[in-house]
């Protein structure tokens, strides 16, 4: 869920995409864990889209509408938990 929250906050601040490397760095998720399990789960769950830019040799990731809705809900829960 960290990846969704990071992508959501990033999008709210005006940057709708991150490279996979940036996402890994911002979440603190080990690279091997991300590539083995999280990357596929996020895409198969319909939460993110990957955009491969072959010329630049990077992969960007952005939230889908479903991922955005989940990000909003997670942010609401985090705010609520901090207030209690």
Protein backbone atom coordinates (compact mmCIF):
# COMPACT_ATOMS: atom_id res chain seq x y z
CA UNK A 1 0.00 0.00 0.00
CA UNK A 2 2.99 2.29 0.46
CA UNK A 3 3.43 2.47 -3.29
CA UNK A 4 -0.18 3.59 -3.79
CA UNK A 5 0.10 6.28 -1.10
CA UNK A 6 3.38 7.58 -2.55
CA UNK A 7 1.97 7.69 -6.08
CA UNK A 8 -1.20 9.40 -4.83
CA UNK A 9 0.67 12.08 -2.86
CA UNK A 10 3.03 12.61 -5.77
CA UNK A 11 0.12 13.04 -8.15
CA UNK A 12 -1.54 15.55 -5.82
CA UNK A 13 1.67 17.58 -5.78
CA UNK A 14 1.57 17.87 -9.57
CA UNK A 15 3.70 14.97 -10.79
CA UNK A 16 1.38 12.25 -12.10
CA UNK A 17 4.11 9.71 -12.90
CA UNK A 18 7.25 8.35 -11.27
CA UNK A 19 9.86 6.08 -12.70
CA UNK A 20 10.03 2.69 -11.06
CA UNK A 21 13.39 3.71 -9.58
CA UNK A 22 11.88 6.84 -8.04
CA UNK A 23 8.98 4.84 -6.63
CA UNK A 24 11.32 2.29 -5.09
CA UNK A 25 13.43 5.07 -3.58
CA UNK A 26 10.45 6.99 -2.16
CA UNK A 27 8.79 3.89 -0.67
CA UNK A 28 11.93 2.28 0.72
CA UNK A 29 10.79 -1.06 -0.70
CA UNK A 30 13.75 -3.28 -1.61
CA UNK A 31 14.20 -3.37 -5.38
CA UNK A 32 14.11 -7.16 -5.56
CA UNK A 33 10.85 -7.28 -3.59
CA UNK A 34 9.27 -4.67 -5.79
CA UNK A 35 10.19 -6.44 -9.02
CA UNK A 36 9.34 -9.94 -7.76
CA UNK A 37 5.96 -9.30 -6.19
CA UNK A 38 4.66 -5.77 -5.91
CA UNK A 39 5.04 -4.61 -9.52
CA UNK A 40 2.86 -7.36 -10.93
CA UNK A 41 0.32 -7.22 -8.10
CA UNK A 42 -0.26 -3.50 -8.61
CA UNK A 43 -0.81 -3.94 -12.33
CA UNK A 44 -2.93 -7.08 -12.09
CA UNK A 45 -5.04 -5.38 -9.43
CA UNK A 46 -5.77 -2.58 -11.89
CA UNK A 47 -4.19 0.01 -9.58
CA UNK A 48 -1.38 1.27 -11.80
CA UNK A 49 -0.31 1.50 -15.43
CA UNK A 50 3.26 1.15 -16.65
CA UNK A 51 4.55 3.18 -19.56
CA UNK A 52 7.76 1.85 -21.09
CA UNK A 53 9.90 4.53 -22.71
CA UNK A 54 12.32 2.43 -24.69
CA UNK A 55 14.27 5.37 -26.07
CA UNK A 56 15.09 6.67 -22.57
CA UNK A 57 15.22 3.11 -21.16
CA UNK A 58 12.87 3.91 -18.30
CA UNK A 59 9.53 2.66 -17.07
CA UNK A 60 7.07 5.17 -15.65
CA UNK A 61 4.24 4.22 -13.35
CA UNK A 62 1.01 6.10 -12.74
CA UNK A 63 -2.25 5.44 -10.93
CA UNK A 64 -5.38 4.26 -12.68
CA UNK A 65 -8.77 5.62 -11.58
CA UNK A 66 -9.10 2.64 -9.24
CA UNK A 67 -5.62 3.24 -7.82
CA UNK A 68 -6.44 6.92 -7.31
CA UNK A 69 -9.62 6.04 -5.39
CA UNK A 70 -7.67 3.64 -3.19
CA UNK A 71 -4.98 6.29 -2.64
CA UNK A 72 -7.62 8.78 -1.48
CA UNK A 73 -9.12 6.25 0.93
CA UNK A 74 -5.72 5.32 2.32
CA UNK A 75 -4.83 8.97 2.81
CA UNK A 76 -8.13 9.53 4.66
CA UNK A 77 -7.38 6.59 6.96
CA UNK A 78 -3.86 7.86 7.64
CA UNK A 79 -5.19 11.32 8.53
CA UNK A 80 -7.84 9.79 10.78
CA UNK A 81 -5.28 7.63 12.58
CA UNK A 82 -3.00 10.61 13.16
CA UNK A 83 -5.87 12.61 14.64
CA UNK A 84 -6.90 9.92 17.12
